[in-house]
Amino acid sequence: MGGFKKFLMRGNLVELAVAVVIGATFSGLVQALVKDLITPLIAAITGGDEPDFSKYEFTVNGARFMYGDFVNHVLSFLIIAAVIYWLVVMPMTRIITFFDRDREATEKKCPECLSDIPLDASRCAFCTVELSQVRAADKPSV
């Protein structure tokens, strides 16, 4: 029983649980935004008589296709994806770029296959082309 308690109290498990709860809540919030504000706004702009897309449907041989509900979910997905991109991906990319720009280069491109190879390599590990024996840093400047 002690191992199970230790497993449950690990920090990353608790953080993951909090992230799932917040993500589910945010998803519900975005779905409400789409259903209650965005789709009525689109209906008002386009002159539609039904402000809720979820009621839009068509029937083929008795089968109902509720394409309006699908439109609501697509809008929700696009909003969530945009928020994640602008609030998570872009800042993390900038942070990673900031820390990587000061790091000294340890690899170079192979002139034949354009693979990344160590600076001191004399032969490419991918295409086996023989590389120049003189490192760029050791070449005399002109």
N, C-alpha and C. Protein backbone atom coordinates (compact mmCIF):
# COMPACT_ATOMS: atom_id res chain seq x y z
N MET A 1 0.83 -1.20 0.00
CA MET A 1 0.00 0.00 0.00
C MET A 1 0.87 1.26 0.00
N GLY A 2 2.06 1.18 0.60
CA GLY A 2 2.95 2.33 0.65
C GLY A 2 3.45 2.72 -0.72
N GLY A 3 3.71 1.73 -1.59
CA GLY A 3 4.16 2.01 -2.94
C GLY A 3 3.09 2.72 -3.76
N PHE A 4 1.83 2.32 -3.56
CA PHE A 4 0.73 2.96 -4.27
C PHE A 4 0.59 4.41 -3.83
N LYS A 5 0.72 4.65 -2.51
CA LYS A 5 0.62 6.01 -1.99
C LYS A 5 1.76 6.86 -2.53
N LYS A 6 2.97 6.28 -2.59
CA LYS A 6 4.12 7.01 -3.12
C LYS A 6 3.91 7.35 -4.60
N PHE A 7 3.33 6.39 -5.36
CA PHE A 7 3.02 6.61 -6.77
C PHE A 7 2.04 7.77 -6.95
N LEU A 8 0.98 7.78 -6.13
CA LEU A 8 -0.03 8.83 -6.25
C LEU A 8 0.48 10.20 -5.84
N MET A 9 1.44 10.25 -4.94
CA MET A 9 1.91 11.52 -4.44
C MET A 9 3.11 12.07 -5.21
N ARG A 10 3.52 11.37 -6.27
CA ARG A 10 4.62 11.90 -7.09
C ARG A 10 4.19 13.21 -7.71
N GLY A 11 5.11 14.14 -7.81
CA GLY A 11 4.79 15.49 -8.28
C GLY A 11 4.26 15.53 -9.70
N ASN A 12 4.88 14.77 -10.62
CA ASN A 12 4.44 14.87 -12.00
C ASN A 12 3.05 14.28 -12.21
N LEU A 13 2.64 13.30 -11.41
CA LEU A 13 1.30 12.74 -11.53
C LEU A 13 0.26 13.77 -11.11
N VAL A 14 0.54 14.48 -10.03
CA VAL A 14 -0.38 15.52 -9.56
C VAL A 14 -0.47 16.65 -10.60
N GLU A 15 0.69 17.04 -11.15
CA GLU A 15 0.69 18.09 -12.18
C GLU A 15 -0.10 17.66 -13.41
N LEU A 16 0.03 16.41 -13.79
CA LEU A 16 -0.71 15.89 -14.94
C LEU A 16 -2.21 15.91 -14.66
N ALA A 17 -2.61 15.52 -13.47
CA ALA A 17 -4.03 15.54 -13.11
C ALA A 17 -4.58 16.96 -13.15
N VAL A 18 -3.83 17.91 -12.65
CA VAL A 18 -4.26 19.31 -12.69
C VAL A 18 -4.37 19.78 -14.14
N ALA A 19 -3.41 19.41 -14.98
CA ALA A 19 -3.45 19.80 -16.39
C ALA A 19 -4.66 19.23 -17.10
N VAL A 20 -5.02 17.98 -16.81
CA VAL A 20 -6.20 17.37 -17.43
C VAL A 20 -7.47 18.09 -17.01
N VAL A 21 -7.59 18.40 -15.73
CA VAL A 21 -8.79 19.10 -15.24
C VAL A 21 -8.88 20.50 -15.86
N ILE A 22 -7.78 21.21 -15.89
CA ILE A 22 -7.80 22.55 -16.48
C ILE A 22 -8.09 22.48 -17.97
N GLY A 23 -7.51 21.49 -18.67
CA GLY A 23 -7.77 21.32 -20.09
C GLY A 23 -9.22 21.01 -20.38
N ALA A 24 -9.82 20.15 -19.58
CA ALA A 24 -11.24 19.82 -19.77
C ALA A 24 -12.12 21.04 -19.51
N THR A 25 -11.79 21.80 -18.50
CA THR A 25 -12.55 23.00 -18.20
C THR A 25 -12.40 24.02 -19.31
N PHE A 26 -11.18 24.19 -19.82
CA PHE A 26 -10.95 25.13 -20.91
C PHE A 26 -11.69 24.69 -22.16
N SER A 27 -11.73 23.39 -22.42
CA SER A 27 -12.47 22.88 -23.57
C SER A 27 -13.95 23.21 -23.45
N GLY A 28 -14.52 23.01 -22.27
CA GLY A 28 -15.93 23.35 -22.05
C GLY A 28 -16.18 24.84 -22.23
N LEU A 29 -15.24 25.65 -21.77
CA LEU A 29 -15.36 27.10 -21.93
C LEU A 29 -15.35 27.50 -23.39
N VAL A 30 -14.45 26.91 -24.18
CA VAL A 30 -14.37 27.24 -25.60
C VAL A 30 -15.62 26.74 -26.33
N GLN A 31 -16.11 25.57 -25.98
CA GLN A 31 -17.34 25.07 -26.61
C GLN A 31 -18.51 25.99 -26.32
N ALA A 32 -18.61 26.49 -25.10
CA ALA A 32 -19.67 27.44 -24.77
C ALA A 32 -19.49 28.74 -25.54
N LEU A 33 -18.25 29.20 -25.68
CA LEU A 33 -17.97 30.41 -26.45
C LEU A 33 -18.44 30.24 -27.89
N VAL A 34 -18.12 29.11 -28.49
CA VAL A 34 -18.52 28.87 -29.88
C VAL A 34 -20.03 28.78 -30.00
N LYS A 35 -20.66 28.00 -29.13
CA LYS A 35 -22.10 27.77 -29.22
C LYS A 35 -22.91 29.02 -28.88
N ASP A 36 -22.50 29.75 -27.85
CA ASP A 36 -23.31 30.86 -27.35
C ASP A 36 -22.96 32.22 -27.93
N LEU A 37 -21.75 32.40 -28.45
CA LEU A 37 -21.36 33.72 -28.94
C LEU A 37 -20.96 33.72 -30.42
N ILE A 38 -20.07 32.83 -30.81
CA ILE A 38 -19.53 32.90 -32.17
C ILE A 38 -20.56 32.47 -33.22
N THR A 39 -21.22 31.33 -33.03
CA THR A 39 -22.20 30.91 -34.04
C THR A 39 -23.39 31.85 -34.13
N PRO A 40 -23.93 32.41 -33.03
CA PRO A 40 -24.98 33.42 -33.20
C PRO A 40 -24.47 34.68 -33.93
N LEU A 41 -23.21 35.04 -33.69
CA LEU A 41 -22.64 36.18 -34.37
C LEU A 41 -22.55 35.92 -35.87
N ILE A 42 -22.10 34.72 -36.24
CA ILE A 42 -22.03 34.35 -37.66
C ILE A 42 -23.43 34.34 -38.27
N ALA A 43 -24.41 33.82 -37.54
CA ALA A 43 -25.79 33.80 -38.04
C ALA A 43 -26.33 35.22 -38.21
N ALA A 44 -25.97 36.12 -37.30
CA ALA A 44 -26.44 37.50 -37.41
C ALA A 44 -25.81 38.20 -38.61
N ILE A 45 -24.54 37.92 -38.87
CA ILE A 45 -23.85 38.54 -39.99
C ILE A 45 -24.37 38.00 -41.33
N THR A 46 -24.57 36.67 -41.39
CA THR A 46 -25.02 36.06 -42.64
C THR A 46 -26.52 36.12 -42.83
N GLY A 47 -27.26 36.55 -41.83
CA GLY A 47 -28.70 36.66 -41.95
C GLY A 47 -29.42 35.35 -41.75
N GLY A 48 -28.78 34.38 -41.13
CA GLY A 48 -29.41 33.09 -40.87
C GLY A 48 -30.49 33.21 -39.81
N ASP A 49 -31.53 32.38 -39.92
CA ASP A 49 -32.63 32.45 -38.95
C ASP A 49 -32.36 31.59 -37.72
N GLU A 50 -31.44 30.65 -37.78
CA GLU A 50 -31.12 29.80 -36.63
C GLU A 50 -29.72 30.13 -36.13
N PRO A 51 -29.59 30.73 -34.93
CA PRO A 51 -28.26 31.14 -34.46
C PRO A 51 -27.41 29.99 -33.92
N ASP A 52 -27.97 28.78 -33.84
CA ASP A 52 -27.21 27.65 -33.30
C ASP A 52 -26.93 26.66 -34.43
N PHE A 53 -25.66 26.51 -34.79
CA PHE A 53 -25.30 25.61 -35.88
C PHE A 53 -25.62 24.15 -35.55
N SER A 54 -25.70 23.80 -34.29
CA SER A 54 -25.91 22.40 -33.93
C SER A 54 -27.25 21.86 -34.42
N LYS A 55 -28.15 22.73 -34.77
CA LYS A 55 -29.46 22.29 -35.27
C LYS A 55 -29.46 22.09 -36.79
N TYR A 56 -28.41 22.49 -37.47
CA TYR A 56 -28.35 22.33 -38.93
C TYR A 56 -28.14 20.86 -39.26
N GLU A 57 -28.93 20.34 -40.18
CA GLU A 57 -28.84 18.94 -40.56
C GLU A 57 -29.43 18.75 -41.94
N PHE A 58 -29.14 17.62 -42.55
CA PHE A 58 -29.82 17.22 -43.78
C PHE A 58 -30.07 15.72 -43.69
N THR A 59 -31.04 15.24 -44.47
CA THR A 59 -31.45 13.85 -44.42
C THR A 59 -31.29 13.20 -45.78
N VAL A 60 -30.70 12.01 -45.80
CA VAL A 60 -30.56 11.22 -47.02
C VAL A 60 -31.08 9.82 -46.71
N ASN A 61 -32.15 9.40 -47.40
CA ASN A 61 -32.76 8.08 -47.21
C ASN A 61 -33.04 7.79 -45.74
N GLY A 62 -33.52 8.75 -45.03
CA GLY A 62 -33.89 8.59 -43.63
C GLY A 62 -32.75 8.73 -42.64
N ALA A 63 -31.52 8.88 -43.12
CA ALA A 63 -30.37 9.06 -42.23
C ALA A 63 -30.12 10.55 -42.03
N ARG A 64 -30.05 10.96 -40.76
CA ARG A 64 -29.83 12.37 -40.44
C ARG A 64 -28.34 12.65 -40.30
N PHE A 65 -27.89 13.69 -40.99
CA PHE A 65 -26.50 14.16 -40.90
C PHE A 65 -26.51 15.52 -40.24
N MET A 66 -26.01 15.57 -39.00
CA MET A 66 -26.02 16.82 -38.23
C MET A 66 -24.70 17.55 -38.46
N TYR A 67 -24.57 18.20 -39.60
CA TYR A 67 -23.33 18.87 -39.95
C TYR A 67 -23.11 20.12 -39.12
N GLY A 68 -24.14 20.71 -38.59
CA GLY A 68 -23.99 21.91 -37.76
C GLY A 68 -23.23 21.65 -36.49
N ASP A 69 -23.48 20.51 -35.85
CA ASP A 69 -22.76 20.15 -34.64
C ASP A 69 -21.28 19.95 -34.96
N PHE A 70 -21.00 19.37 -36.12
CA PHE A 70 -19.62 19.20 -36.56
C PHE A 70 -18.94 20.55 -36.75
N VAL A 71 -19.65 21.53 -37.31
CA VAL A 71 -19.10 22.87 -37.50
C VAL A 71 -18.75 23.48 -36.14
N ASN A 72 -19.62 23.30 -35.15
CA ASN A 72 -19.33 23.81 -33.81
C ASN A 72 -18.06 23.19 -33.24
N HIS A 73 -17.89 21.88 -33.42
CA HIS A 73 -16.69 21.21 -32.91
C HIS A 73 -15.44 21.65 -33.66
N VAL A 74 -15.55 21.87 -34.96
CA VAL A 74 -14.40 22.35 -35.73
C VAL A 74 -13.98 23.74 -35.25
N LEU A 75 -14.96 24.62 -35.02
CA LEU A 75 -14.65 25.95 -34.51
C LEU A 75 -13.98 25.86 -33.14
N SER A 76 -14.49 24.99 -32.27
CA SER A 76 -13.88 24.81 -30.95
C SER A 76 -12.45 24.33 -31.07
N PHE A 77 -12.22 23.35 -31.94
CA PHE A 77 -10.88 22.83 -32.14
C PHE A 77 -9.93 23.92 -32.63
N LEU A 78 -10.37 24.71 -33.60
CA LEU A 78 -9.51 25.77 -34.14
C LEU A 78 -9.16 26.81 -33.09
N ILE A 79 -10.12 27.16 -32.25
CA ILE A 79 -9.85 28.14 -31.19
C ILE A 79 -8.86 27.57 -30.18
N ILE A 80 -9.07 26.32 -29.75
CA ILE A 80 -8.16 25.71 -28.79
C ILE A 80 -6.76 25.58 -29.39
N ALA A 81 -6.67 25.15 -30.65
CA ALA A 81 -5.37 25.02 -31.30
C ALA A 81 -4.66 26.37 -31.39
N ALA A 82 -5.41 27.43 -31.72
CA ALA A 82 -4.80 28.76 -31.82
C ALA A 82 -4.30 29.23 -30.46
N VAL A 83 -5.08 29.02 -29.41
CA VAL A 83 -4.66 29.44 -28.08
C VAL A 83 -3.42 28.68 -27.64
N ILE A 84 -3.40 27.38 -27.87
CA ILE A 84 -2.23 26.59 -27.50
C ILE A 84 -1.01 27.05 -28.28
N TYR A 85 -1.20 27.33 -29.58
CA TYR A 85 -0.07 27.76 -30.40
C TYR A 85 0.48 29.09 -29.90
N TRP A 86 -0.39 30.07 -29.66
CA TRP A 86 0.10 31.41 -29.30
C TRP A 86 0.50 31.55 -27.84
N LEU A 87 -0.07 30.73 -26.96
CA LEU A 87 0.27 30.87 -25.54
C LEU A 87 1.26 29.83 -25.03
N VAL A 88 1.48 28.74 -25.80
CA VAL A 88 2.41 27.70 -25.35
C VAL A 88 3.55 27.52 -26.35
N VAL A 89 3.22 27.22 -27.60
CA VAL A 89 4.24 26.86 -28.59
C VAL A 89 5.14 28.05 -28.92
N MET A 90 4.57 29.20 -29.25
CA MET A 90 5.39 30.36 -29.62
C MET A 90 6.31 30.81 -28.50
N PRO A 91 5.82 30.96 -27.25
CA PRO A 91 6.75 31.36 -26.19
C PRO A 91 7.84 30.32 -25.94
N MET A 92 7.52 29.03 -25.99
CA MET A 92 8.54 28.01 -25.78
C MET A 92 9.57 28.02 -26.90
N THR A 93 9.14 28.26 -28.13
CA THR A 93 10.06 28.34 -29.25
C THR A 93 11.02 29.50 -29.06
N ARG A 94 10.51 30.63 -28.61
CA ARG A 94 11.37 31.79 -28.37
C ARG A 94 12.36 31.53 -27.24
N ILE A 95 11.90 30.87 -26.19
CA ILE A 95 12.79 30.56 -25.06
C ILE A 95 13.89 29.61 -25.51
N ILE A 96 13.54 28.58 -26.25
CA ILE A 96 14.52 27.61 -26.73
C ILE A 96 15.51 28.29 -27.66
N THR A 97 15.03 29.14 -28.57
CA THR A 97 15.91 29.87 -29.48
C THR A 97 16.85 30.78 -28.72
N PHE A 98 16.35 31.44 -27.69
CA PHE A 98 17.17 32.33 -26.88
C PHE A 98 18.33 31.58 -26.23
N PHE A 99 18.06 30.41 -25.68
CA PHE A 99 19.11 29.65 -25.01
C PHE A 99 20.03 28.93 -25.99
N ASP A 100 19.54 28.59 -27.17
CA ASP A 100 20.36 27.87 -28.15
C ASP A 100 21.29 28.78 -28.93
N ARG A 101 21.01 30.06 -29.02
CA ARG A 101 21.83 30.93 -29.86
C ARG A 101 23.23 31.15 -29.28
N ASP A 102 23.38 31.01 -27.97
CA ASP A 102 24.68 31.22 -27.34
C ASP A 102 25.52 29.95 -27.30
N ARG A 103 24.95 28.83 -27.66
CA ARG A 103 25.67 27.56 -27.62
C ARG A 103 26.62 27.46 -28.82
N GLU A 104 27.81 26.97 -28.57
CA GLU A 104 28.79 26.81 -29.63
C GLU A 104 28.39 25.64 -30.53
N ALA A 105 28.60 25.80 -31.82
CA ALA A 105 28.24 24.76 -32.77
C ALA A 105 29.11 23.53 -32.56
N THR A 106 28.50 22.36 -32.54
CA THR A 106 29.22 21.10 -32.39
C THR A 106 29.08 20.23 -33.64
N GLU A 107 28.25 20.67 -34.59
CA GLU A 107 28.03 19.89 -35.80
C GLU A 107 28.11 20.78 -37.02
N LYS A 108 28.33 20.13 -38.16
CA LYS A 108 28.33 20.84 -39.44
C LYS A 108 27.53 20.00 -40.42
N LYS A 109 27.23 20.58 -41.57
CA LYS A 109 26.49 19.87 -42.61
C LYS A 109 27.46 19.18 -43.55
N CYS A 110 27.12 17.96 -43.92
CA CYS A 110 27.91 17.25 -44.92
C CYS A 110 27.64 17.92 -46.27
N PRO A 111 28.68 18.20 -47.06
CA PRO A 111 28.46 18.87 -48.34
C PRO A 111 27.74 18.01 -49.37
N GLU A 112 27.75 16.69 -49.18
CA GLU A 112 27.11 15.80 -50.15
C GLU A 112 25.65 15.52 -49.79
N CYS A 113 25.41 15.01 -48.58
CA CYS A 113 24.05 14.58 -48.22
C CYS A 113 23.34 15.54 -47.26
N LEU A 114 24.02 16.59 -46.81
CA LEU A 114 23.48 17.62 -45.93
C LEU A 114 23.05 17.10 -44.56
N SER A 115 23.60 15.97 -44.14
CA SER A 115 23.33 15.45 -42.80
C SER A 115 24.17 16.21 -41.79
N ASP A 116 23.72 16.22 -40.54
CA ASP A 116 24.49 16.83 -39.46
C ASP A 116 25.56 15.84 -39.00
N ILE A 117 26.82 16.29 -39.00
CA ILE A 117 27.95 15.45 -38.59
C ILE A 117 28.82 16.24 -37.63
N PRO A 118 29.59 15.57 -36.77
CA PRO A 118 30.46 16.29 -35.83
C PRO A 118 31.48 17.16 -36.57
N LEU A 119 31.89 18.24 -35.93
CA LEU A 119 32.86 19.16 -36.54
C LEU A 119 34.18 18.49 -36.89
N ASP A 120 34.65 17.58 -36.05
CA ASP A 120 35.95 16.95 -36.25
C ASP A 120 35.90 15.71 -37.13
N ALA A 121 34.76 15.37 -37.69
CA ALA A 121 34.64 14.16 -38.50
C ALA A 121 35.44 14.30 -39.79
N SER A 122 36.10 13.21 -40.18
CA SER A 122 36.84 13.22 -41.44
C SER A 122 36.08 12.49 -42.54
N ARG A 123 35.01 11.79 -42.16
CA ARG A 123 34.18 11.08 -43.12
C ARG A 123 32.73 11.14 -42.63
N CYS A 124 31.80 11.33 -43.56
CA CYS A 124 30.38 11.40 -43.21
C CYS A 124 29.89 10.00 -42.84
N ALA A 125 29.18 9.89 -41.74
CA ALA A 125 28.68 8.60 -41.28
C ALA A 125 27.48 8.14 -42.11
N PHE A 126 26.86 9.04 -42.85
CA PHE A 126 25.66 8.68 -43.60
C PHE A 126 25.96 8.31 -45.05
N CYS A 127 26.75 9.15 -45.74
CA CYS A 127 27.04 8.87 -47.15
C CYS A 127 28.48 8.45 -47.37
N THR A 128 29.27 8.45 -46.34
CA THR A 128 30.68 8.04 -46.31
C THR A 128 31.60 8.86 -47.21
N VAL A 129 31.21 10.05 -47.59
CA VAL A 129 32.09 10.91 -48.37
C VAL A 129 33.24 11.37 -47.48
N GLU A 130 34.43 11.46 -48.05
CA GLU A 130 35.59 11.91 -47.29
C GLU A 130 35.56 13.43 -47.22
N LEU A 131 35.70 13.94 -46.02
CA LEU A 131 35.63 15.38 -45.78
C LEU A 131 37.03 15.96 -45.70
N SER A 132 37.12 17.27 -45.81
CA SER A 132 38.40 17.96 -45.70
C SER A 132 39.00 17.70 -44.33
N GLN A 133 40.30 17.50 -44.27
CA GLN A 133 40.98 17.20 -43.02
C GLN A 133 41.22 18.45 -42.18
N VAL A 134 41.16 19.63 -42.79
CA VAL A 134 41.43 20.88 -42.07
C VAL A 134 40.11 21.45 -41.58
N ARG A 135 40.00 21.66 -40.26
CA ARG A 135 38.79 22.23 -39.69
C ARG A 135 38.67 23.69 -40.10
N ALA A 136 37.48 24.18 -40.19
CA ALA A 136 37.25 25.57 -40.58
C ALA A 136 37.90 26.54 -39.61
N ALA A 137 37.92 26.18 -38.32
CA ALA A 137 38.50 27.07 -37.30
C ALA A 137 40.03 27.12 -37.43
N ASP A 138 40.64 26.07 -38.02
CA ASP A 138 42.10 26.01 -38.15
C ASP A 138 42.62 26.59 -39.45
N LYS A 139 41.73 26.91 -40.40
CA LYS A 139 42.16 27.46 -41.68
C LYS A 139 42.71 28.86 -41.48
N PRO A 140 43.78 29.20 -42.17
CA PRO A 140 44.31 30.57 -42.05
C PRO A 140 43.35 31.56 -42.70
N SER A 141 43.17 32.70 -42.06
CA SER A 141 42.29 33.73 -42.62
C SER A 141 43.03 34.48 -43.72
N VAL A 142 42.32 34.90 -44.73
CA VAL A 142 42.94 35.58 -45.89
C VAL A 142 42.91 37.06 -45.71
